[in-house]
């Protein structure tokens, strides 16, 4: 008999660095693109699973500003996978009331991809059941620079602006900061991901490669999250003199 897991406090915003597609493919003596293709299948499972268990916002790191140094064929394949995912899943995501936002710079993206991004964001902008952010051509430092430039262009004085005011210029404006950041594949670094939004996030690093990551791994990460004491810079009351 299936039993619904008890998670305790559900993180409102879960962010995942999807890592390990290439190593997964190499272990099977297949090209890296095969790993990325399998990784998209995992995206579908985790998006659906996260929504079902009560997460309200999910951010997936799919292509960084540093990934431009990869072989051109791999970059083209990654861009094509984004096109395929959006084209094939947009209707379903919209039907399920999912708001989709593409985080990151638009610099270097092809006109057809820019048009596709605009279409998916316009189509789903009023949806409210679940927020799906895809960080594509994204870098945390680049986001902060772009946000500062927008604030200045808007007449803001950066010497006087508040954190809340600055946050309104970020790619994630209007969304909660990340509560939980997960990185797959065993690497233990944040790779320029959500530098502002993860200031007080809990981090979980798992050895599972992204194509093998499933909802049970997400559930385990949330259970781990619930065993931690989040202090946000404060002392535990037992430590107060």
C-alpha atoms as a PDB file:
ATOM      1  CA  UNK A   1       0.000   0.000   0.000  1.00  0.00           C
ATOM      2  CA  UNK A   2       1.342   3.440  -0.950  1.00  0.00           C
ATOM      3  CA  UNK A   3       1.906   5.837   1.924  1.00  0.00           C
ATOM      4  CA  UNK A   4       2.152   9.582   1.373  1.00  0.00           C
ATOM      5  CA  UNK A   5       5.510  10.756   2.792  1.00  0.00           C
ATOM      6  CA  UNK A   6       5.565  13.284   5.603  1.00  0.00           C
ATOM      7  CA  UNK A   7       8.075  16.024   4.922  1.00  0.00           C
ATOM      8  CA  UNK A   8       7.501  18.496   7.723  1.00  0.00           C
ATOM      9  CA  UNK A   9       8.352  21.959   6.464  1.00  0.00           C
ATOM     10  CA  UNK A  10       8.228  22.037   2.679  1.00  0.00           C
ATOM     11  CA  UNK A  11      10.838  24.303   1.057  1.00  0.00           C
ATOM     12  CA  UNK A  12       8.957  26.867  -1.012  1.00  0.00           C
ATOM     13  CA  UNK A  13      11.783  27.207  -3.532  1.00  0.00           C
ATOM     14  CA  UNK A  14      14.013  24.305  -4.527  1.00  0.00           C
ATOM     15  CA  UNK A  15      16.899  24.929  -6.920  1.00  0.00           C
ATOM     16  CA  UNK A  16      18.859  22.162  -8.621  1.00  0.00           C
ATOM     17  CA  UNK A  17      22.230  22.184 -10.356  1.00  0.00           C
ATOM     18  CA  UNK A  18      21.653  19.375 -12.840  1.00  0.00           C
ATOM     19  CA  UNK A  19      25.104  17.842 -13.181  1.00  0.00           C
ATOM     20  CA  UNK A  20      26.459  14.554 -14.459  1.00  0.00           C
ATOM     21  CA  UNK A  21      24.850  14.056 -17.868  1.00  0.00           C
ATOM     22  CA  UNK A  22      28.209  13.697 -19.615  1.00  0.00           C
ATOM     23  CA  UNK A  23      29.629  11.252 -17.084  1.00  0.00           C
ATOM     24  CA  UNK A  24      26.412   9.230 -17.181  1.00  0.00           C
ATOM     25  CA  UNK A  25      26.728   8.912 -20.957  1.00  0.00           C
ATOM     26  CA  UNK A  26      30.461   8.163 -20.826  1.00  0.00           C
ATOM     27  CA  UNK A  27      29.872   5.300 -18.382  1.00  0.00           C
ATOM     28  CA  UNK A  28      27.601   3.792 -21.026  1.00  0.00           C
ATOM     29  CA  UNK A  29      30.046   4.521 -23.857  1.00  0.00           C
ATOM     30  CA  UNK A  30      27.622   6.910 -25.453  1.00  0.00           C
ATOM     31  CA  UNK A  31      28.134  10.519 -26.630  1.00  0.00           C
ATOM     32  CA  UNK A  32      27.571  13.353 -24.153  1.00  0.00           C
ATOM     33  CA  UNK A  33      24.487  14.471 -26.068  1.00  0.00           C
ATOM     34  CA  UNK A  34      22.848  11.151 -25.181  1.00  0.00           C
ATOM     35  CA  UNK A  35      23.291  12.041 -21.507  1.00  0.00           C
ATOM     36  CA  UNK A  36      21.715  15.466 -22.035  1.00  0.00           C
ATOM     37  CA  UNK A  37      18.763  13.856 -23.810  1.00  0.00           C
ATOM     38  CA  UNK A  38      18.223  11.486 -20.887  1.00  0.00           C
ATOM     39  CA  UNK A  39      18.578  14.445 -18.552  1.00  0.00           C
ATOM     40  CA  UNK A  40      15.555  16.107 -20.159  1.00  0.00           C
ATOM     41  CA  UNK A  41      13.503  13.025 -19.261  1.00  0.00           C
ATOM     42  CA  UNK A  42      14.577  13.532 -15.652  1.00  0.00           C
ATOM     43  CA  UNK A  43      13.519  17.183 -15.869  1.00  0.00           C
ATOM     44  CA  UNK A  44       9.993  16.090 -16.734  1.00  0.00           C
ATOM     45  CA  UNK A  45       9.862  13.643 -13.806  1.00  0.00           C
ATOM     46  CA  UNK A  46      11.202  16.141 -11.270  1.00  0.00           C
ATOM     47  CA  UNK A  47       8.990  19.013 -12.428  1.00  0.00           C
ATOM     48  CA  UNK A  48       5.909  16.823 -12.051  1.00  0.00           C
ATOM     49  CA  UNK A  49       7.092  15.258  -8.802  1.00  0.00           C
ATOM     50  CA  UNK A  50       8.063  18.546  -7.158  1.00  0.00           C
ATOM     51  CA  UNK A  51       4.666  20.014  -7.938  1.00  0.00           C
ATOM     52  CA  UNK A  52       2.848  16.954  -6.616  1.00  0.00           C
ATOM     53  CA  UNK A  53       4.635  16.932  -3.256  1.00  0.00           C
ATOM     54  CA  UNK A  54       3.995  20.628  -2.602  1.00  0.00           C
ATOM     55  CA  UNK A  55       7.046  22.568  -3.775  1.00  0.00           C
ATOM     56  CA  UNK A  56       5.817  25.893  -5.165  1.00  0.00           C
ATOM     57  CA  UNK A  57       8.916  27.038  -7.037  1.00  0.00           C
ATOM     58  CA  UNK A  58      11.586  24.979  -8.820  1.00  0.00           C
ATOM     59  CA  UNK A  59      14.666  26.412 -10.522  1.00  0.00           C
ATOM     60  CA  UNK A  60      16.786  24.194 -12.780  1.00  0.00           C
ATOM     61  CA  UNK A  61      20.297  25.171 -13.905  1.00  0.00           C
ATOM     62  CA  UNK A  62      20.543  23.975 -17.493  1.00  0.00           C
ATOM     63  CA  UNK A  63      23.134  26.134 -19.296  1.00  0.00           C
ATOM     64  CA  UNK A  64      25.554  28.593 -17.713  1.00  0.00           C
ATOM     65  CA  UNK A  65      27.312  31.625 -19.152  1.00  0.00           C
ATOM     66  CA  UNK A  66      30.528  29.600 -18.771  1.00  0.00           C
ATOM     67  CA  UNK A  67      29.169  26.709 -20.863  1.00  0.00           C
ATOM     68  CA  UNK A  68      29.915  28.648 -24.063  1.00  0.00           C
ATOM     69  CA  UNK A  69      33.439  27.177 -23.869  1.00  0.00           C
ATOM     70  CA  UNK A  70      32.073  23.686 -24.595  1.00  0.00           C
ATOM     71  CA  UNK A  71      32.315  22.172 -28.096  1.00  0.00           C
ATOM     72  CA  UNK A  72      30.007  23.914 -30.575  1.00  0.00           C
ATOM     73  CA  UNK A  73      28.185  20.679 -31.390  1.00  0.00           C
ATOM     74  CA  UNK A  74      27.326  20.137 -27.716  1.00  0.00           C
ATOM     75  CA  UNK A  75      26.131  23.729 -27.323  1.00  0.00           C
ATOM     76  CA  UNK A  76      23.927  23.370 -30.395  1.00  0.00           C
ATOM     77  CA  UNK A  77      22.509  20.139 -28.969  1.00  0.00           C
ATOM     78  CA  UNK A  78      21.730  21.805 -25.621  1.00  0.00           C
ATOM     79  CA  UNK A  79      19.966  24.672 -27.379  1.00  0.00           C
ATOM     80  CA  UNK A  80      17.979  22.195 -29.450  1.00  0.00           C
ATOM     81  CA  UNK A  81      16.964  20.255 -26.347  1.00  0.00           C
ATOM     82  CA  UNK A  82      15.569  23.443 -24.798  1.00  0.00           C
ATOM     83  CA  UNK A  83      13.581  24.062 -27.974  1.00  0.00           C
ATOM     84  CA  UNK A  84      12.254  20.507 -27.975  1.00  0.00           C
ATOM     85  CA  UNK A  85      11.334  20.561 -24.287  1.00  0.00           C
ATOM     86  CA  UNK A  86       9.460  23.842 -24.544  1.00  0.00           C
ATOM     87  CA  UNK A  87       7.722  22.948 -27.799  1.00  0.00           C
ATOM     88  CA  UNK A  88       6.600  19.525 -26.588  1.00  0.00           C
ATOM     89  CA  UNK A  89       5.712  20.422 -22.993  1.00  0.00           C
ATOM     90  CA  UNK A  90       4.349  23.962 -23.180  1.00  0.00           C
ATOM     91  CA  UNK A  91       0.726  22.960 -23.676  1.00  0.00           C
ATOM     92  CA  UNK A  92       0.857  20.495 -20.772  1.00  0.00           C
ATOM     93  CA  UNK A  93       2.605  22.953 -18.454  1.00  0.00           C
ATOM     94  CA  UNK A  94       0.076  25.643 -19.308  1.00  0.00           C
ATOM     95  CA  UNK A  95      -2.825  23.244 -18.768  1.00  0.00           C
ATOM     96  CA  UNK A  96      -1.410  22.407 -15.319  1.00  0.00           C
ATOM     97  CA  UNK A  97      -1.277  26.115 -14.416  1.00  0.00           C
ATOM     98  CA  UNK A  98       2.556  26.244 -14.375  1.00  0.00           C
ATOM     99  CA  UNK A  99       4.261  29.608 -14.763  1.00  0.00           C
ATOM    100  CA  UNK A 100       7.502  29.195 -16.724  1.00  0.00           C
ATOM    101  CA  UNK A 101      10.303  31.729 -16.551  1.00  0.00           C
ATOM    102  CA  UNK A 102      13.631  31.533 -18.394  1.00  0.00           C
ATOM    103  CA  UNK A 103      16.363  33.068 -16.226  1.00  0.00           C
ATOM    104  CA  UNK A 104      19.557  34.420 -17.738  1.00  0.00           C
ATOM    105  CA  UNK A 105      21.022  36.697 -20.370  1.00  0.00           C
ATOM    106  CA  UNK A 106      19.484  36.899 -23.829  1.00  0.00           C
ATOM    107  CA  UNK A 107      22.886  37.725 -25.320  1.00  0.00           C
ATOM    108  CA  UNK A 108      24.078  35.201 -27.899  1.00  0.00           C
ATOM    109  CA  UNK A 109      20.715  33.472 -28.275  1.00  0.00           C
ATOM    110  CA  UNK A 110      19.326  32.970 -31.764  1.00  0.00           C
ATOM    111  CA  UNK A 111      16.210  34.879 -32.914  1.00  0.00           C
ATOM    112  CA  UNK A 112      14.098  31.727 -33.018  1.00  0.00           C
ATOM    113  CA  UNK A 113      15.107  30.812 -29.469  1.00  0.00           C
ATOM    114  CA  UNK A 114      14.361  34.342 -28.264  1.00  0.00           C
ATOM    115  CA  UNK A 115      10.932  34.124 -29.877  1.00  0.00           C
ATOM    116  CA  UNK A 116      10.318  30.764 -28.221  1.00  0.00           C
ATOM    117  CA  UNK A 117      11.311  32.123 -24.791  1.00  0.00           C
ATOM    118  CA  UNK A 118       8.978  35.071 -25.260  1.00  0.00           C
ATOM    119  CA  UNK A 119       6.137  32.761 -26.275  1.00  0.00           C
ATOM    120  CA  UNK A 120       6.491  30.417 -23.295  1.00  0.00           C
ATOM    121  CA  UNK A 121       6.739  33.276 -20.803  1.00  0.00           C
ATOM    122  CA  UNK A 122       3.812  35.174 -22.309  1.00  0.00           C
ATOM    123  CA  UNK A 123       1.665  32.049 -22.479  1.00  0.00           C
ATOM    124  CA  UNK A 124       2.207  31.043 -18.851  1.00  0.00           C
ATOM    125  CA  UNK A 125       2.779  34.377 -17.083  1.00  0.00           C
ATOM    126  CA  UNK A 126      -0.595  34.397 -15.325  1.00  0.00           C
ATOM    127  CA  UNK A 127      -0.420  30.784 -14.110  1.00  0.00           C
ATOM    128  CA  UNK A 128      -0.293  30.353 -10.351  1.00  0.00           C
ATOM    129  CA  UNK A 129      -0.111  26.691  -9.319  1.00  0.00           C
ATOM    130  CA  UNK A 130       3.633  26.201  -9.711  1.00  0.00           C
ATOM    131  CA  UNK A 131       6.658  28.262 -10.762  1.00  0.00           C
ATOM    132  CA  UNK A 132       9.222  26.606 -13.031  1.00  0.00           C
ATOM    133  CA  UNK A 133      12.399  28.577 -13.693  1.00  0.00           C
ATOM    134  CA  UNK A 134      14.890  27.344 -16.261  1.00  0.00           C
ATOM    135  CA  UNK A 135      18.272  29.015 -15.834  1.00  0.00           C
ATOM    136  CA  UNK A 136      19.584  29.114 -19.399  1.00  0.00           C
ATOM    137  CA  UNK A 137      22.591  31.184 -20.468  1.00  0.00           C
ATOM    138  CA  UNK A 138      22.637  32.111 -16.802  1.00  0.00           C
ATOM    139  CA  UNK A 139      25.368  33.189 -14.427  1.00  0.00           C
ATOM    140  CA  UNK A 140      24.881  34.627 -10.958  1.00  0.00           C
ATOM    141  CA  UNK A 141      27.457  37.392 -11.409  1.00  0.00           C
ATOM    142  CA  UNK A 142      26.012  38.287 -14.792  1.00  0.00           C
ATOM    143  CA  UNK A 143      22.543  38.467 -13.260  1.00  0.00           C
ATOM    144  CA  UNK A 144      23.747  40.891 -10.582  1.00  0.00           C
ATOM    145  CA  UNK A 145      25.427  43.108 -13.176  1.00  0.00           C
ATOM    146  CA  UNK A 146      22.320  43.107 -15.360  1.00  0.00           C
ATOM    147  CA  UNK A 147      20.141  43.889 -12.343  1.00  0.00           C
ATOM    148  CA  UNK A 148      22.371  46.790 -11.340  1.00  0.00           C
ATOM    149  CA  UNK A 149      22.310  48.155 -14.891  1.00  0.00           C
ATOM    150  CA  UNK A 150      18.497  47.958 -14.984  1.00  0.00           C
ATOM    151  CA  UNK A 151      18.234  49.670 -11.609  1.00  0.00           C
ATOM    152  CA  UNK A 152      20.498  52.527 -12.722  1.00  0.00           C
ATOM    153  CA  UNK A 153      18.612  52.863 -16.009  1.00  0.00           C
ATOM    154  CA  UNK A 154      15.447  53.092 -13.932  1.00  0.00           C
ATOM    155  CA  UNK A 155      16.885  56.018 -11.985  1.00  0.00           C
ATOM    156  CA  UNK A 156      17.764  54.095  -8.836  1.00  0.00           C
ATOM    157  CA  UNK A 157      20.657  55.253  -6.642  1.00  0.00           C
ATOM    158  CA  UNK A 158      22.639  52.096  -5.883  1.00  0.00           C
ATOM    159  CA  UNK A 159      24.041  53.741  -2.764  1.00  0.00           C
ATOM    160  CA  UNK A 160      20.521  54.062  -1.365  1.00  0.00           C
ATOM    161  CA  UNK A 161      18.660  51.067  -2.760  1.00  0.00           C
ATOM    162  CA  UNK A 162      17.399  48.433  -0.308  1.00  0.00           C
ATOM    163  CA  UNK A 163      17.810  44.679  -0.668  1.00  0.00           C
ATOM    164  CA  UNK A 164      14.122  44.354  -1.457  1.00  0.00           C
ATOM    165  CA  UNK A 165      14.361  47.139  -4.000  1.00  0.00           C
ATOM    166  CA  UNK A 166      17.369  45.568  -5.702  1.00  0.00           C
ATOM    167  CA  UNK A 167      15.685  42.161  -5.693  1.00  0.00           C
ATOM    168  CA  UNK A 168      12.964  43.588  -7.906  1.00  0.00           C
ATOM    169  CA  UNK A 169      15.516  43.837 -10.722  1.00  0.00           C
ATOM    170  CA  UNK A 170      16.709  40.244 -10.499  1.00  0.00           C
ATOM    171  CA  UNK A 171      15.598  37.531 -12.926  1.00  0.00           C
ATOM    172  CA  UNK A 172      13.622  35.976 -10.043  1.00  0.00           C
ATOM    173  CA  UNK A 173      11.770  39.176  -9.106  1.00  0.00           C
ATOM    174  CA  UNK A 174       8.618  38.388  -7.164  1.00  0.00           C
ATOM    175  CA  UNK A 175       9.698  34.858  -6.241  1.00  0.00           C
ATOM    176  CA  UNK A 176      10.980  33.643  -2.851  1.00  0.00           C
ATOM    177  CA  UNK A 177      14.685  33.098  -2.282  1.00  0.00           C
ATOM    178  CA  UNK A 178      15.911  29.533  -2.580  1.00  0.00           C
ATOM    179  CA  UNK A 179      15.385  27.461   0.564  1.00  0.00           C
ATOM    180  CA  UNK A 180      17.148  24.353  -0.719  1.00  0.00           C
ATOM    181  CA  UNK A 181      19.847  23.992  -3.374  1.00  0.00           C
ATOM    182  CA  UNK A 182      20.676  20.491  -4.612  1.00  0.00           C
ATOM    183  CA  UNK A 183      23.643  19.568  -6.776  1.00  0.00           C
ATOM    184  CA  UNK A 184      23.857  16.159  -8.381  1.00  0.00           C
ATOM    185  CA  UNK A 185      26.933  14.128  -9.476  1.00  0.00           C
ATOM    186  CA  UNK A 186      29.081  14.543  -6.364  1.00  0.00           C
ATOM    187  CA  UNK A 187      30.580  17.950  -7.166  1.00  0.00           C
ATOM    188  CA  UNK A 188      30.576  20.364  -4.236  1.00  0.00           C
ATOM    189  CA  UNK A 189      30.470  23.891  -5.603  1.00  0.00           C
ATOM    190  CA  UNK A 190      27.737  26.331  -6.601  1.00  0.00           C
ATOM    191  CA  UNK A 191      29.137  27.217 -10.049  1.00  0.00           C
ATOM    192  CA  UNK A 192      27.899  30.809 -10.150  1.00  0.00           C
ATOM    193  CA  UNK A 193      24.281  29.799  -9.487  1.00  0.00           C
ATOM    194  CA  UNK A 194      21.724  32.020  -7.712  1.00  0.00           C
ATOM    195  CA  UNK A 195      24.385  33.901  -5.770  1.00  0.00           C
ATOM    196  CA  UNK A 196      21.909  36.422  -4.342  1.00  0.00           C
ATOM    197  CA  UNK A 197      18.930  34.112  -3.922  1.00  0.00           C
ATOM    198  CA  UNK A 198      20.812  31.319  -2.134  1.00  0.00           C
ATOM    199  CA  UNK A 199      22.383  33.508   0.563  1.00  0.00           C
ATOM    200  CA  UNK A 200      20.706  31.456   3.310  1.00  0.00           C
ATOM    201  CA  UNK A 201      19.753  28.329   1.393  1.00  0.00           C
ATOM    202  CA  UNK A 202      20.534  24.865   2.670  1.00  0.00           C
ATOM    203  CA  UNK A 203      22.838  22.936   0.319  1.00  0.00           C
ATOM    204  CA  UNK A 204      22.690  19.230  -0.401  1.00  0.00           C
ATOM    205  CA  UNK A 205      25.265  17.481  -2.599  1.00  0.00           C
ATOM    206  CA  UNK A 206      24.413  14.030  -3.872  1.00  0.00           C
ATOM    207  CA  UNK A 207      26.552  11.549  -5.806  1.00  0.00           C
ATOM    208  CA  UNK A 208      23.581  10.607  -7.999  1.00  0.00           C
ATOM    209  CA  UNK A 209      24.105  11.644 -11.623  1.00  0.00           C
ATOM    210  CA  UNK A 210      21.293  13.787 -13.007  1.00  0.00           C
ATOM    211  CA  UNK A 211      19.812  11.212 -15.429  1.00  0.00           C
ATOM    212  CA  UNK A 212      19.451   8.806 -12.457  1.00  0.00           C
ATOM    213  CA  UNK A 213      17.967  11.413 -10.096  1.00  0.00           C
ATOM    214  CA  UNK A 214      14.322  10.706  -9.324  1.00  0.00           C
ATOM    215  CA  UNK A 215      11.547  11.878  -7.056  1.00  0.00           C
ATOM    216  CA  UNK A 216      12.724   9.615  -4.220  1.00  0.00           C
ATOM    217  CA  UNK A 217      16.067  11.481  -4.286  1.00  0.00           C
ATOM    218  CA  UNK A 218      14.197  14.783  -4.139  1.00  0.00           C
ATOM    219  CA  UNK A 219      12.164  13.493  -1.208  1.00  0.00           C
ATOM    220  CA  UNK A 220      15.350  12.412   0.575  1.00  0.00           C
ATOM    221  CA  UNK A 221      16.836  15.881   0.091  1.00  0.00           C
ATOM    222  CA  UNK A 222      13.709  17.490   1.533  1.00  0.00           C
ATOM    223  CA  UNK A 223      13.834  15.139   4.518  1.00  0.00           C
ATOM    224  CA  UNK A 224      17.465  16.162   5.077  1.00  0.00           C
ATOM    225  CA  UNK A 225      16.414  19.816   4.772  1.00  0.00           C
ATOM    226  CA  UNK A 226      13.890  19.257   7.548  1.00  0.00           C
ATOM    227  CA  UNK A 227      16.529  17.878   9.898  1.00  0.00           C
ATOM    228  CA  UNK A 228      18.498  21.106   9.736  1.00  0.00           C
ATOM    229  CA  UNK A 229      18.075  24.150  11.926  1.00  0.00           C
ATOM    230  CA  UNK A 230      17.882  27.314   9.843  1.00  0.00           C
ATOM    231  CA  UNK A 231      19.096  30.302  11.837  1.00  0.00           C
ATOM    232  CA  UNK A 232      19.577  32.971   9.168  1.00  0.00           C
ATOM    233  CA  UNK A 233      22.554  34.352  11.056  1.00  0.00           C
ATOM    234  CA  UNK A 234      20.915  34.169  14.503  1.00  0.00           C
ATOM    235  CA  UNK A 235      21.991  32.145  17.509  1.00  0.00           C
ATOM    236  CA  UNK A 236      20.072  29.183  18.826  1.00  0.00           C
ATOM    237  CA  UNK A 237      18.189  30.272  21.954  1.00  0.00           C
ATOM    238  CA  UNK A 238      20.185  27.740  24.016  1.00  0.00           C
ATOM    239  CA  UNK A 239      23.371  29.619  23.040  1.00  0.00           C
ATOM    240  CA  UNK A 240      22.102  33.020  24.167  1.00  0.00           C
ATOM    241  CA  UNK A 241      23.799  34.015  27.406  1.00  0.00           C
END
